[in-house]
Amino acid sequence: MDGWSRFQNYKRAKDLFFIHGFNSRIPEMYVGSKCQRNAAIVAAEELGYKDEIMAYYNGKGIKWYHYIPYFMIHDPMFLFRNYFWERTFLEKVYESKFDYRGLYLERAL
């Protein structure tokens, strides 16, 4: 279920980067956990924004070993909160607005 939620995050982040380019508000939405950051990083990398997103996360002081999500540190009772279950396992289905495979094939021609 967590993998499903991160895939939804990836699709949403990729659409946002494609529409708006690199904007610091986009990676800020995914700063909460290592898995969410990885989803945003992969989406940014596929669109050529990997250096920008890595610089952004480094500027925020986020290191490669920051695995524990920040909300777990700030709220030890997170298991009893709705936001944990919704954000971690019950992310709503996100349909991508673009056919990236088709766009890549058009660019290759």
C-alpha atoms as a PDB file:
ATOM      1  CA  MET A   1       0.000   0.000   0.000  1.00  0.00           C
ATOM      2  CA  ASP A   2       2.863   2.373   0.716  1.00  0.00           C
ATOM      3  CA  GLY A   3       4.341   1.658  -2.712  1.00  0.00           C
ATOM      4  CA  TRP A   4       0.967   2.462  -4.278  1.00  0.00           C
ATOM      5  CA  SER A   5       0.835   5.787  -2.432  1.00  0.00           C
ATOM      6  CA  ARG A   6       4.367   6.703  -3.496  1.00  0.00           C
ATOM      7  CA  PHE A   7       3.495   5.883  -7.124  1.00  0.00           C
ATOM      8  CA  GLN A   8       0.593   8.337  -6.873  1.00  0.00           C
ATOM      9  CA  ASN A   9       3.011  10.930  -5.434  1.00  0.00           C
ATOM     10  CA  TYR A  10       5.416  10.273  -8.298  1.00  0.00           C
ATOM     11  CA  LYS A  11       2.734  10.802 -10.950  1.00  0.00           C
ATOM     12  CA  ARG A  12       1.498  14.006  -9.320  1.00  0.00           C
ATOM     13  CA  ALA A  13       5.036  15.385  -8.891  1.00  0.00           C
ATOM     14  CA  LYS A  14       5.932  14.578 -12.490  1.00  0.00           C
ATOM     15  CA  ASP A  15       2.863  16.394 -13.782  1.00  0.00           C
ATOM     16  CA  LEU A  16       3.627  19.406 -11.590  1.00  0.00           C
ATOM     17  CA  PHE A  17       7.255  19.577 -12.727  1.00  0.00           C
ATOM     18  CA  PHE A  18       6.177  19.180 -16.353  1.00  0.00           C
ATOM     19  CA  ILE A  19       3.593  21.974 -16.124  1.00  0.00           C
ATOM     20  CA  HIS A  20       5.456  24.457 -13.903  1.00  0.00           C
ATOM     21  CA  GLY A  21       9.111  23.560 -14.342  1.00  0.00           C
ATOM     22  CA  PHE A  22      11.157  23.477 -11.178  1.00  0.00           C
ATOM     23  CA  ASN A  23       9.415  25.423  -8.448  1.00  0.00           C
ATOM     24  CA  SER A  24      10.496  25.077  -4.813  1.00  0.00           C
ATOM     25  CA  ARG A  25       6.897  24.607  -3.697  1.00  0.00           C
ATOM     26  CA  ILE A  26       6.711  21.260  -5.491  1.00  0.00           C
ATOM     27  CA  PRO A  27       9.505  19.424  -3.627  1.00  0.00           C
ATOM     28  CA  GLU A  28       8.314  21.057  -0.397  1.00  0.00           C
ATOM     29  CA  MET A  29       5.108  19.002  -0.658  1.00  0.00           C
ATOM     30  CA  TYR A  30       7.207  15.815  -0.538  1.00  0.00           C
ATOM     31  CA  VAL A  31       9.699  16.732   2.177  1.00  0.00           C
ATOM     32  CA  GLY A  32       7.896  14.680   4.852  1.00  0.00           C
ATOM     33  CA  SER A  33       9.492  11.273   4.344  1.00  0.00           C
ATOM     34  CA  LYS A  34      12.331   9.558   2.502  1.00  0.00           C
ATOM     35  CA  CYS A  35       9.910   7.628   0.286  1.00  0.00           C
ATOM     36  CA  GLN A  36       8.020  10.760  -0.730  1.00  0.00           C
ATOM     37  CA  ARG A  37      11.265  12.581  -1.448  1.00  0.00           C
ATOM     38  CA  ASN A  38      12.452   9.668  -3.587  1.00  0.00           C
ATOM     39  CA  ALA A  39       9.222   9.779  -5.591  1.00  0.00           C
ATOM     40  CA  ALA A  40       9.711  13.508  -6.233  1.00  0.00           C
ATOM     41  CA  ILE A  41      13.410  13.042  -7.049  1.00  0.00           C
ATOM     42  CA  VAL A  42      12.681  10.332  -9.631  1.00  0.00           C
ATOM     43  CA  ALA A  43       9.969  12.482 -11.225  1.00  0.00           C
ATOM     44  CA  ALA A  44      12.305  15.506 -11.325  1.00  0.00           C
ATOM     45  CA  GLU A  45      15.181  13.438 -12.688  1.00  0.00           C
ATOM     46  CA  GLU A  46      13.076  12.166 -15.578  1.00  0.00           C
ATOM     47  CA  LEU A  47      12.330  15.770 -16.559  1.00  0.00           C
ATOM     48  CA  GLY A  48      15.893  17.048 -16.130  1.00  0.00           C
ATOM     49  CA  TYR A  49      15.521  18.761 -12.747  1.00  0.00           C
ATOM     50  CA  LYS A  50      17.582  16.399 -10.608  1.00  0.00           C
ATOM     51  CA  ASP A  51      20.316  18.941  -9.809  1.00  0.00           C
ATOM     52  CA  GLU A  52      17.735  21.521  -8.747  1.00  0.00           C
ATOM     53  CA  ILE A  53      15.770  19.200  -6.490  1.00  0.00           C
ATOM     54  CA  MET A  54      18.912  17.766  -4.888  1.00  0.00           C
ATOM     55  CA  ALA A  55      20.204  21.287  -4.233  1.00  0.00           C
ATOM     56  CA  TYR A  56      16.845  22.196  -2.728  1.00  0.00           C
ATOM     57  CA  TYR A  57      16.807  19.219  -0.359  1.00  0.00           C
ATOM     58  CA  ASN A  58      20.479  19.766   0.554  1.00  0.00           C
ATOM     59  CA  GLY A  59      19.671  23.412   1.291  1.00  0.00           C
ATOM     60  CA  LYS A  60      16.921  22.253   3.664  1.00  0.00           C
ATOM     61  CA  GLY A  61      19.511  20.158   5.530  1.00  0.00           C
ATOM     62  CA  ILE A  62      18.082  16.816   4.441  1.00  0.00           C
ATOM     63  CA  LYS A  63      20.706  14.080   4.295  1.00  0.00           C
ATOM     64  CA  TRP A  64      20.650  10.653   2.657  1.00  0.00           C
ATOM     65  CA  TYR A  65      20.319   8.942   6.056  1.00  0.00           C
ATOM     66  CA  HIS A  66      17.120  10.795   7.083  1.00  0.00           C
ATOM     67  CA  TYR A  67      14.847   7.766   6.830  1.00  0.00           C
ATOM     68  CA  ILE A  68      12.447   8.357   9.699  1.00  0.00           C
ATOM     69  CA  PRO A  69       9.595  10.597   8.546  1.00  0.00           C
ATOM     70  CA  TYR A  70       9.543  13.930  10.339  1.00  0.00           C
ATOM     71  CA  PHE A  71       5.937  13.582  11.461  1.00  0.00           C
ATOM     72  CA  MET A  72       6.902  10.489  13.503  1.00  0.00           C
ATOM     73  CA  ILE A  73       9.379  12.569  15.476  1.00  0.00           C
ATOM     74  CA  HIS A  74       7.031  15.513  15.980  1.00  0.00           C
ATOM     75  CA  ASP A  75       3.958  13.416  16.834  1.00  0.00           C
ATOM     76  CA  PRO A  76       4.672  10.122  18.634  1.00  0.00           C
ATOM     77  CA  MET A  77       0.940   9.285  18.568  1.00  0.00           C
ATOM     78  CA  PHE A  78       0.896   9.340  14.751  1.00  0.00           C
ATOM     79  CA  LEU A  79      -0.620   5.847  14.522  1.00  0.00           C
ATOM     80  CA  PHE A  80      -3.861   7.250  15.899  1.00  0.00           C
ATOM     81  CA  ARG A  81      -4.077  10.156  13.442  1.00  0.00           C
ATOM     82  CA  ASN A  82      -6.046  10.094  10.198  1.00  0.00           C
ATOM     83  CA  TYR A  83      -3.379  11.983   8.282  1.00  0.00           C
ATOM     84  CA  PHE A  84      -0.920   9.120   8.805  1.00  0.00           C
ATOM     85  CA  TRP A  85      -3.250   6.511   7.324  1.00  0.00           C
ATOM     86  CA  GLU A  86      -4.419   8.756   4.481  1.00  0.00           C
ATOM     87  CA  ARG A  87      -0.964   9.978   3.509  1.00  0.00           C
ATOM     88  CA  THR A  88       0.835   6.652   3.952  1.00  0.00           C
ATOM     89  CA  PHE A  89      -1.519   3.947   2.758  1.00  0.00           C
ATOM     90  CA  LEU A  90      -4.680   5.507   1.361  1.00  0.00           C
ATOM     91  CA  GLU A  91      -3.426   8.043  -1.172  1.00  0.00           C
ATOM     92  CA  LYS A  92      -6.147   8.702  -3.730  1.00  0.00           C
ATOM     93  CA  VAL A  93      -5.682   7.518  -7.313  1.00  0.00           C
ATOM     94  CA  TYR A  94      -4.029  10.168  -9.442  1.00  0.00           C
ATOM     95  CA  GLU A  95      -4.445   9.979 -13.200  1.00  0.00           C
ATOM     96  CA  SER A  96      -1.538  11.565 -15.043  1.00  0.00           C
ATOM     97  CA  LYS A  97      -2.537  14.459 -17.275  1.00  0.00           C
ATOM     98  CA  PHE A  98       0.026  13.635 -19.958  1.00  0.00           C
ATOM     99  CA  ASP A  99       1.091  10.615 -21.982  1.00  0.00           C
ATOM    100  CA  TYR A 100       4.826  10.781 -21.277  1.00  0.00           C
ATOM    101  CA  ARG A 101       5.605   7.677 -23.296  1.00  0.00           C
ATOM    102  CA  GLY A 102       4.014   9.271 -26.354  1.00  0.00           C
ATOM    103  CA  LEU A 103       5.835  12.551 -25.708  1.00  0.00           C
ATOM    104  CA  TYR A 104       9.191  10.738 -25.461  1.00  0.00           C
ATOM    105  CA  LEU A 105       8.508   8.889 -28.696  1.00  0.00           C
ATOM    106  CA  GLU A 106       7.596  12.134 -30.488  1.00  0.00           C
ATOM    107  CA  ARG A 107      10.800  13.767 -29.263  1.00  0.00           C
ATOM    108  CA  ALA A 108      12.848  10.777 -30.456  1.00  0.00           C
ATOM    109  CA  LEU A 109      11.552  11.196 -33.991  1.00  0.00           C
END
